[in-house]
């Protein structure tokens, strides 16, 4: 019987000699055992939230968790739009210029990141099509109906 180290060394060598074979086997197993695979992934994700956050940031925005945290620190922990902190248990969304990354299947290049903002602030900017003119007109409209507080 092999030790754990021997098994790991064997698998490393096997993967070198047969690139893609282990991923094909894993995929085949996952398809045949969808429910077990789903439960395993969910359990792992729940146990490693920081790793999941880091992967998501890198995949979607091209930045590391450290870069996200540095940007958050630079913004003093508040939303770049409304200058308030995120609600307890929530994180600020990465805001980027969508015009920069056309044709990247929703992924950001990482160079066009503008800041970190609340989801509601992000929806406001997106609803206004990132147009300062529309946002100013909206603010003027709200001013028409403003009552003294």
N, C-alpha and C. Protein backbone atom coordinates (compact mmCIF):
# COMPACT_ATOMS: atom_id res chain seq x y z
N UNK A 1 0.84 -1.18 0.00
CA UNK A 1 0.00 0.00 0.00
C UNK A 1 0.89 1.25 0.00
N UNK A 2 0.51 2.22 -0.79
CA UNK A 2 1.29 3.47 -0.90
C UNK A 2 0.98 4.42 0.24
N UNK A 3 1.99 5.21 0.57
CA UNK A 3 1.76 6.29 1.53
C UNK A 3 1.07 7.44 0.80
N UNK A 4 0.59 8.38 1.55
CA UNK A 4 -0.06 9.56 0.96
C UNK A 4 0.89 10.30 0.02
N UNK A 5 2.15 10.45 0.45
CA UNK A 5 3.15 11.14 -0.36
C UNK A 5 3.43 10.38 -1.65
N UNK A 6 3.49 9.06 -1.57
CA UNK A 6 3.73 8.24 -2.77
C UNK A 6 2.56 8.37 -3.75
N UNK A 7 1.35 8.35 -3.22
CA UNK A 7 0.17 8.50 -4.08
C UNK A 7 0.16 9.85 -4.77
N UNK A 8 0.51 10.89 -4.02
CA UNK A 8 0.55 12.24 -4.59
C UNK A 8 1.61 12.32 -5.69
N UNK A 9 2.79 11.74 -5.44
CA UNK A 9 3.86 11.75 -6.43
C UNK A 9 3.44 10.97 -7.68
N UNK A 10 2.80 9.83 -7.47
CA UNK A 10 2.33 9.03 -8.60
C UNK A 10 1.34 9.83 -9.45
N UNK A 11 0.40 10.48 -8.80
CA UNK A 11 -0.61 11.26 -9.53
C UNK A 11 0.02 12.43 -10.28
N UNK A 12 1.03 13.08 -9.68
CA UNK A 12 1.72 14.16 -10.38
C UNK A 12 2.36 13.65 -11.66
N UNK A 13 3.03 12.51 -11.58
CA UNK A 13 3.66 11.90 -12.76
C UNK A 13 2.61 11.48 -13.79
N UNK A 14 1.53 10.90 -13.31
CA UNK A 14 0.46 10.46 -14.22
C UNK A 14 -0.11 11.65 -14.99
N UNK A 15 -0.34 12.75 -14.27
CA UNK A 15 -0.91 13.95 -14.92
C UNK A 15 0.06 14.54 -15.94
N UNK A 16 1.36 14.44 -15.67
CA UNK A 16 2.36 14.91 -16.64
C UNK A 16 2.31 14.08 -17.91
N UNK A 17 2.20 12.76 -17.75
CA UNK A 17 2.19 11.85 -18.90
C UNK A 17 0.85 11.85 -19.64
N UNK A 18 -0.24 12.14 -18.93
CA UNK A 18 -1.58 12.09 -19.52
C UNK A 18 -2.32 13.40 -19.25
N UNK A 19 -1.89 14.51 -19.87
CA UNK A 19 -2.55 15.79 -19.61
C UNK A 19 -4.03 15.73 -20.00
N UNK A 20 -4.87 16.23 -19.13
CA UNK A 20 -6.31 16.26 -19.41
C UNK A 20 -7.05 15.00 -18.99
N UNK A 21 -6.34 13.90 -18.72
CA UNK A 21 -7.01 12.65 -18.37
C UNK A 21 -7.75 12.76 -17.04
N UNK A 22 -7.10 13.35 -16.03
CA UNK A 22 -7.76 13.44 -14.73
C UNK A 22 -8.96 14.37 -14.78
N UNK A 23 -8.88 15.43 -15.59
CA UNK A 23 -10.04 16.32 -15.69
C UNK A 23 -11.19 15.63 -16.41
N UNK A 24 -10.86 14.77 -17.39
CA UNK A 24 -11.91 14.02 -18.07
C UNK A 24 -12.58 13.04 -17.11
N UNK A 25 -11.76 12.38 -16.27
CA UNK A 25 -12.31 11.44 -15.30
C UNK A 25 -13.17 12.18 -14.27
N UNK A 26 -12.67 13.31 -13.81
CA UNK A 26 -13.43 14.11 -12.84
C UNK A 26 -14.75 14.55 -13.45
N UNK A 27 -14.72 15.02 -14.69
CA UNK A 27 -15.94 15.46 -15.37
C UNK A 27 -16.91 14.30 -15.52
N UNK A 28 -16.39 13.14 -15.90
CA UNK A 28 -17.24 11.96 -16.08
C UNK A 28 -17.89 11.58 -14.75
N UNK A 29 -17.09 11.59 -13.66
CA UNK A 29 -17.63 11.26 -12.34
C UNK A 29 -18.69 12.29 -11.93
N UNK A 30 -18.40 13.57 -12.14
CA UNK A 30 -19.33 14.63 -11.75
C UNK A 30 -20.67 14.48 -12.48
N UNK A 31 -20.62 14.14 -13.76
CA UNK A 31 -21.86 13.96 -14.52
C UNK A 31 -22.65 12.75 -14.02
N UNK A 32 -21.94 11.69 -13.66
CA UNK A 32 -22.60 10.48 -13.18
C UNK A 32 -23.10 10.61 -11.74
N UNK A 33 -22.54 11.56 -11.01
CA UNK A 33 -22.87 11.73 -9.58
C UNK A 33 -23.22 13.18 -9.28
N UNK A 34 -24.15 13.72 -10.05
CA UNK A 34 -24.46 15.15 -9.95
C UNK A 34 -24.81 15.60 -8.53
N UNK A 35 -25.65 14.86 -7.85
CA UNK A 35 -26.07 15.27 -6.52
C UNK A 35 -24.91 15.27 -5.53
N UNK A 36 -24.10 14.23 -5.54
CA UNK A 36 -22.93 14.16 -4.66
C UNK A 36 -21.94 15.27 -4.99
N UNK A 37 -21.74 15.52 -6.27
CA UNK A 37 -20.82 16.57 -6.71
C UNK A 37 -21.32 17.94 -6.24
N UNK A 38 -22.62 18.17 -6.40
CA UNK A 38 -23.21 19.45 -5.98
C UNK A 38 -23.04 19.65 -4.47
N UNK A 39 -23.31 18.61 -3.69
CA UNK A 39 -23.17 18.70 -2.23
C UNK A 39 -21.72 18.95 -1.82
N UNK A 40 -20.80 18.23 -2.48
CA UNK A 40 -19.38 18.40 -2.18
C UNK A 40 -18.93 19.84 -2.47
N UNK A 41 -19.30 20.35 -3.64
CA UNK A 41 -18.90 21.72 -4.01
C UNK A 41 -19.50 22.74 -3.06
N UNK A 42 -20.77 22.55 -2.69
CA UNK A 42 -21.44 23.49 -1.78
C UNK A 42 -20.73 23.49 -0.42
N UNK A 43 -20.41 22.29 0.07
CA UNK A 43 -19.72 22.17 1.36
C UNK A 43 -18.37 22.87 1.31
N UNK A 44 -17.61 22.65 0.22
CA UNK A 44 -16.30 23.27 0.08
C UNK A 44 -16.43 24.79 0.00
N UNK A 45 -17.39 25.27 -0.78
CA UNK A 45 -17.58 26.71 -0.93
C UNK A 45 -17.95 27.37 0.39
N UNK A 46 -18.81 26.71 1.16
CA UNK A 46 -19.20 27.25 2.47
C UNK A 46 -18.03 27.29 3.44
N UNK A 47 -17.13 26.32 3.29
CA UNK A 47 -15.96 26.25 4.18
C UNK A 47 -14.84 27.20 3.76
N UNK A 48 -14.89 27.70 2.52
CA UNK A 48 -13.81 28.55 1.99
C UNK A 48 -14.36 29.82 1.32
N UNK A 49 -15.10 30.66 2.06
CA UNK A 49 -15.69 31.85 1.43
C UNK A 49 -14.66 32.83 0.87
N UNK A 50 -13.52 32.98 1.56
CA UNK A 50 -12.49 33.91 1.08
C UNK A 50 -11.92 33.44 -0.25
N UNK A 51 -11.71 32.14 -0.36
CA UNK A 51 -11.18 31.58 -1.60
C UNK A 51 -12.18 31.77 -2.74
N UNK A 52 -13.46 31.58 -2.44
CA UNK A 52 -14.49 31.76 -3.47
C UNK A 52 -14.54 33.22 -3.91
N UNK A 53 -14.46 34.14 -2.98
CA UNK A 53 -14.48 35.57 -3.29
C UNK A 53 -13.26 35.92 -4.15
N UNK A 54 -12.11 35.40 -3.77
CA UNK A 54 -10.88 35.66 -4.50
C UNK A 54 -10.97 35.14 -5.93
N UNK A 55 -11.48 33.92 -6.09
CA UNK A 55 -11.64 33.35 -7.43
C UNK A 55 -12.60 34.17 -8.28
N UNK A 56 -13.71 34.58 -7.68
CA UNK A 56 -14.71 35.35 -8.41
C UNK A 56 -14.15 36.69 -8.88
N UNK A 57 -13.43 37.37 -8.00
CA UNK A 57 -12.83 38.66 -8.36
C UNK A 57 -11.83 38.51 -9.50
N UNK A 58 -11.00 37.48 -9.42
CA UNK A 58 -9.99 37.25 -10.45
C UNK A 58 -10.64 36.89 -11.78
N UNK A 59 -11.65 36.03 -11.72
CA UNK A 59 -12.32 35.57 -12.93
C UNK A 59 -13.10 36.68 -13.62
N UNK A 60 -13.88 37.42 -12.83
CA UNK A 60 -14.77 38.42 -13.44
C UNK A 60 -14.11 39.77 -13.68
N UNK A 61 -13.24 40.20 -12.75
CA UNK A 61 -12.68 41.55 -12.84
C UNK A 61 -11.17 41.60 -13.06
N UNK A 62 -10.50 40.46 -13.00
CA UNK A 62 -9.07 40.44 -13.23
C UNK A 62 -8.25 41.02 -12.10
N UNK A 63 -8.82 41.07 -10.88
CA UNK A 63 -8.08 41.60 -9.73
C UNK A 63 -8.04 40.55 -8.62
N UNK A 64 -7.06 40.68 -7.77
CA UNK A 64 -6.94 39.77 -6.63
C UNK A 64 -7.73 40.33 -5.45
N UNK A 65 -7.93 39.50 -4.46
CA UNK A 65 -8.60 39.94 -3.24
C UNK A 65 -7.78 41.03 -2.55
N UNK A 66 -6.47 40.91 -2.65
CA UNK A 66 -5.58 41.93 -2.05
C UNK A 66 -5.77 43.28 -2.75
N UNK A 67 -5.91 43.26 -4.08
CA UNK A 67 -6.14 44.50 -4.83
C UNK A 67 -7.50 45.10 -4.48
N UNK A 68 -8.51 44.24 -4.32
CA UNK A 68 -9.84 44.70 -3.91
C UNK A 68 -9.74 45.38 -2.54
N UNK A 69 -9.07 44.70 -1.59
CA UNK A 69 -8.95 45.25 -0.24
C UNK A 69 -8.15 46.56 -0.23
N UNK A 70 -7.15 46.68 -1.09
CA UNK A 70 -6.37 47.92 -1.18
C UNK A 70 -7.25 49.05 -1.70
N UNK A 71 -8.10 48.75 -2.67
CA UNK A 71 -9.02 49.76 -3.21
C UNK A 71 -10.04 50.16 -2.14
N UNK A 72 -10.53 49.19 -1.38
CA UNK A 72 -11.47 49.46 -0.30
C UNK A 72 -10.83 50.36 0.75
N UNK A 73 -9.57 50.09 1.08
CA UNK A 73 -8.84 50.91 2.04
C UNK A 73 -8.65 52.33 1.51
N UNK A 74 -8.32 52.44 0.22
CA UNK A 74 -8.14 53.74 -0.42
C UNK A 74 -9.43 54.57 -0.36
N UNK A 75 -10.57 53.88 -0.42
CA UNK A 75 -11.88 54.55 -0.35
C UNK A 75 -12.37 54.69 1.10
N UNK A 76 -11.51 54.39 2.07
CA UNK A 76 -11.85 54.46 3.49
C UNK A 76 -13.01 53.55 3.87
N UNK A 77 -13.18 52.43 3.13
CA UNK A 77 -14.21 51.45 3.46
C UNK A 77 -15.62 51.84 3.10
N UNK A 78 -15.77 52.90 2.28
CA UNK A 78 -17.12 53.35 1.92
C UNK A 78 -17.34 53.30 0.41
N UNK A 79 -18.59 53.37 0.01
CA UNK A 79 -18.99 53.38 -1.39
C UNK A 79 -18.43 54.63 -2.07
N UNK A 80 -17.88 54.45 -3.26
CA UNK A 80 -17.31 55.58 -4.00
C UNK A 80 -18.37 56.56 -4.47
N UNK A 81 -19.64 56.14 -4.52
CA UNK A 81 -20.71 57.03 -4.98
C UNK A 81 -21.36 57.78 -3.82
N UNK A 82 -21.92 57.05 -2.85
CA UNK A 82 -22.70 57.71 -1.79
C UNK A 82 -21.93 57.92 -0.49
N UNK A 83 -20.69 57.42 -0.44
CA UNK A 83 -19.78 57.63 0.70
C UNK A 83 -20.28 57.02 2.01
N UNK A 84 -21.09 55.95 1.93
CA UNK A 84 -21.53 55.25 3.13
C UNK A 84 -20.95 53.84 3.11
N UNK A 85 -20.74 53.24 4.29
CA UNK A 85 -20.16 51.89 4.33
C UNK A 85 -21.18 50.84 3.89
N UNK A 86 -20.70 49.66 3.51
CA UNK A 86 -21.65 48.60 3.15
C UNK A 86 -22.41 48.13 4.38
N UNK A 87 -23.58 47.57 4.17
CA UNK A 87 -24.36 47.02 5.26
C UNK A 87 -23.63 45.83 5.86
N UNK A 88 -23.90 45.53 7.11
CA UNK A 88 -23.24 44.41 7.79
C UNK A 88 -23.46 43.12 6.99
N UNK A 89 -22.35 42.43 6.73
CA UNK A 89 -22.42 41.17 5.99
C UNK A 89 -22.43 41.33 4.47
N UNK A 90 -22.39 42.56 3.99
CA UNK A 90 -22.39 42.82 2.54
C UNK A 90 -21.02 43.34 2.11
N UNK A 91 -20.74 43.22 0.82
CA UNK A 91 -19.51 43.75 0.26
C UNK A 91 -19.88 44.77 -0.82
N UNK A 92 -18.94 45.63 -1.13
CA UNK A 92 -19.16 46.60 -2.20
C UNK A 92 -18.86 45.95 -3.54
N UNK A 93 -19.65 46.29 -4.55
CA UNK A 93 -19.46 45.77 -5.91
C UNK A 93 -18.30 46.49 -6.59
N UNK A 94 -17.66 45.79 -7.51
CA UNK A 94 -16.61 46.39 -8.33
C UNK A 94 -17.29 47.12 -9.48
N UNK A 95 -17.05 48.41 -9.59
CA UNK A 95 -17.63 49.21 -10.68
C UNK A 95 -16.56 49.40 -11.75
N UNK A 96 -16.95 49.13 -13.00
CA UNK A 96 -16.00 49.32 -14.10
C UNK A 96 -16.73 49.87 -15.32
N UNK A 97 -15.96 50.44 -16.22
CA UNK A 97 -16.51 51.03 -17.45
C UNK A 97 -16.78 49.91 -18.45
N UNK A 98 -18.06 49.63 -18.67
CA UNK A 98 -18.47 48.54 -19.56
C UNK A 98 -18.06 48.79 -21.02
N UNK A 99 -17.89 50.03 -21.39
CA UNK A 99 -17.49 50.33 -22.77
C UNK A 99 -16.08 49.83 -23.07
N UNK A 100 -15.28 49.70 -22.03
CA UNK A 100 -13.89 49.27 -22.21
C UNK A 100 -13.79 47.80 -22.60
N UNK A 101 -14.66 46.99 -22.07
CA UNK A 101 -14.50 45.54 -22.18
C UNK A 101 -15.54 44.88 -23.08
N UNK A 102 -15.97 45.54 -24.10
CA UNK A 102 -16.94 44.98 -25.03
C UNK A 102 -16.33 43.74 -25.69
N UNK A 103 -17.11 42.68 -25.77
CA UNK A 103 -16.64 41.46 -26.42
C UNK A 103 -15.85 40.54 -25.52
N UNK A 104 -15.83 40.80 -24.21
CA UNK A 104 -15.08 39.93 -23.29
C UNK A 104 -16.02 39.02 -22.50
N UNK A 105 -17.24 38.81 -23.00
CA UNK A 105 -18.22 37.92 -22.35
C UNK A 105 -18.48 38.28 -20.89
N UNK A 106 -18.65 39.56 -20.62
CA UNK A 106 -18.96 40.02 -19.27
C UNK A 106 -17.77 40.11 -18.34
N UNK A 107 -16.59 39.79 -18.81
CA UNK A 107 -15.40 39.85 -17.97
C UNK A 107 -14.71 41.20 -18.16
N UNK A 108 -14.18 41.70 -17.07
CA UNK A 108 -13.50 42.99 -17.07
C UNK A 108 -12.00 42.78 -17.29
N UNK A 109 -11.38 43.72 -17.99
CA UNK A 109 -9.93 43.62 -18.23
C UNK A 109 -9.13 43.98 -16.98
N UNK A 110 -9.76 44.64 -16.02
CA UNK A 110 -9.08 45.05 -14.80
C UNK A 110 -8.50 46.44 -14.86
N UNK A 111 -8.38 47.00 -16.07
CA UNK A 111 -7.79 48.34 -16.23
C UNK A 111 -8.84 49.44 -16.14
N UNK A 112 -10.10 49.07 -16.28
CA UNK A 112 -11.16 50.08 -16.33
C UNK A 112 -11.98 50.13 -15.04
N UNK A 113 -11.45 49.59 -13.95
CA UNK A 113 -12.16 49.62 -12.68
C UNK A 113 -12.17 51.05 -12.15
N UNK A 114 -13.38 51.51 -11.81
CA UNK A 114 -13.54 52.89 -11.34
C UNK A 114 -13.54 52.96 -9.81
N UNK A 115 -14.08 51.94 -9.17
CA UNK A 115 -14.15 51.96 -7.71
C UNK A 115 -15.05 50.86 -7.20
N UNK A 116 -15.32 50.91 -5.90
CA UNK A 116 -16.19 49.93 -5.25
C UNK A 116 -17.45 50.65 -4.79
N UNK A 117 -18.60 50.09 -5.15
CA UNK A 117 -19.87 50.77 -4.85
C UNK A 117 -20.93 49.77 -4.40
N UNK A 118 -21.96 50.30 -3.70
CA UNK A 118 -23.10 49.48 -3.30
C UNK A 118 -23.80 48.93 -4.54
N UNK A 119 -24.51 47.83 -4.35
CA UNK A 119 -25.28 47.26 -5.45
C UNK A 119 -26.34 48.27 -5.92
N UNK A 120 -26.98 48.96 -4.98
CA UNK A 120 -28.02 49.93 -5.36
C UNK A 120 -27.42 51.10 -6.15
N UNK A 121 -26.24 51.53 -5.76
CA UNK A 121 -25.58 52.61 -6.51
C UNK A 121 -25.18 52.11 -7.90
N UNK A 122 -24.76 50.86 -7.97
CA UNK A 122 -24.41 50.25 -9.25
C UNK A 122 -25.63 50.18 -10.17
N UNK A 123 -26.78 49.79 -9.60
CA UNK A 123 -28.02 49.73 -10.37
C UNK A 123 -28.43 51.12 -10.86
N UNK A 124 -28.23 52.13 -10.02
CA UNK A 124 -28.56 53.50 -10.40
C UNK A 124 -27.71 53.92 -11.60
N UNK A 125 -26.41 53.68 -11.55
CA UNK A 125 -25.53 54.06 -12.65
C UNK A 125 -25.87 53.28 -13.92
N UNK A 126 -26.13 51.99 -13.76
CA UNK A 126 -26.49 51.16 -14.91
C UNK A 126 -27.82 51.57 -15.52
N UNK A 127 -28.79 51.90 -14.66
CA UNK A 127 -30.09 52.35 -15.15
C UNK A 127 -29.99 53.65 -15.92
N UNK A 128 -29.03 54.48 -15.56
CA UNK A 128 -28.81 55.75 -16.26
C UNK A 128 -27.82 55.57 -17.41
N UNK A 129 -27.47 54.31 -17.70
CA UNK A 129 -26.55 53.99 -18.80
C UNK A 129 -25.19 54.69 -18.62
N UNK A 130 -24.78 54.86 -17.37
CA UNK A 130 -23.51 55.52 -17.03
C UNK A 130 -23.42 56.94 -17.60
N UNK A 131 -24.58 57.57 -17.80
CA UNK A 131 -24.61 58.91 -18.39
C UNK A 131 -24.71 59.99 -17.31
N UNK A 132 -23.68 60.83 -17.17
CA UNK A 132 -23.76 61.93 -16.21
C UNK A 132 -24.94 62.86 -16.50
N UNK A 133 -25.27 63.04 -17.78
CA UNK A 133 -26.39 63.90 -18.15
C UNK A 133 -27.70 63.36 -17.59
N UNK A 134 -27.93 62.08 -17.77
CA UNK A 134 -29.17 61.47 -17.25
C UNK A 134 -29.22 61.57 -15.74
N UNK A 135 -28.08 61.33 -15.09
CA UNK A 135 -28.04 61.41 -13.63
C UNK A 135 -28.30 62.84 -13.14
N UNK A 136 -27.74 63.83 -13.83
CA UNK A 136 -28.00 65.23 -13.44
C UNK A 136 -29.47 65.58 -13.63
N UNK A 137 -30.05 65.15 -14.76
CA UNK A 137 -31.47 65.41 -15.01
C UNK A 137 -32.34 64.74 -13.95
N UNK A 138 -31.95 63.54 -13.54
CA UNK A 138 -32.67 62.84 -12.47
C UNK A 138 -32.59 63.60 -11.16
N UNK A 139 -31.41 64.12 -10.84
CA UNK A 139 -31.23 64.90 -9.61
C UNK A 139 -32.06 66.18 -9.66
N UNK A 140 -32.08 66.84 -10.80
CA UNK A 140 -32.89 68.06 -10.96
C UNK A 140 -34.38 67.73 -10.77
N UNK A 141 -34.81 66.62 -11.31
CA UNK A 141 -36.20 66.19 -11.18
C UNK A 141 -36.54 65.97 -9.71
N UNK A 142 -35.67 65.28 -8.98
CA UNK A 142 -35.92 65.04 -7.56
C UNK A 142 -35.95 66.34 -6.75
N UNK A 143 -35.11 67.30 -7.13
CA UNK A 143 -35.08 68.59 -6.46
C UNK A 143 -36.41 69.32 -6.59
N UNK A 144 -37.12 69.13 -7.69
CA UNK A 144 -38.42 69.79 -7.90
C UNK A 144 -39.43 69.40 -6.82
N UNK A 145 -39.30 68.19 -6.30
CA UNK A 145 -40.27 67.67 -5.36
C UNK A 145 -39.72 67.54 -3.95
N UNK A 146 -38.58 68.09 -3.72
CA UNK A 146 -37.94 67.98 -2.41
C UNK A 146 -38.64 68.87 -1.39
N UNK A 147 -38.89 68.29 -0.24
CA UNK A 147 -39.47 69.05 0.87
C UNK A 147 -38.38 69.23 1.91
N UNK A 148 -38.48 70.28 2.66
CA UNK A 148 -37.48 70.54 3.71
C UNK A 148 -37.56 69.46 4.76
N UNK A 149 -36.42 68.97 5.19
CA UNK A 149 -36.37 67.89 6.18
C UNK A 149 -36.21 68.43 7.56
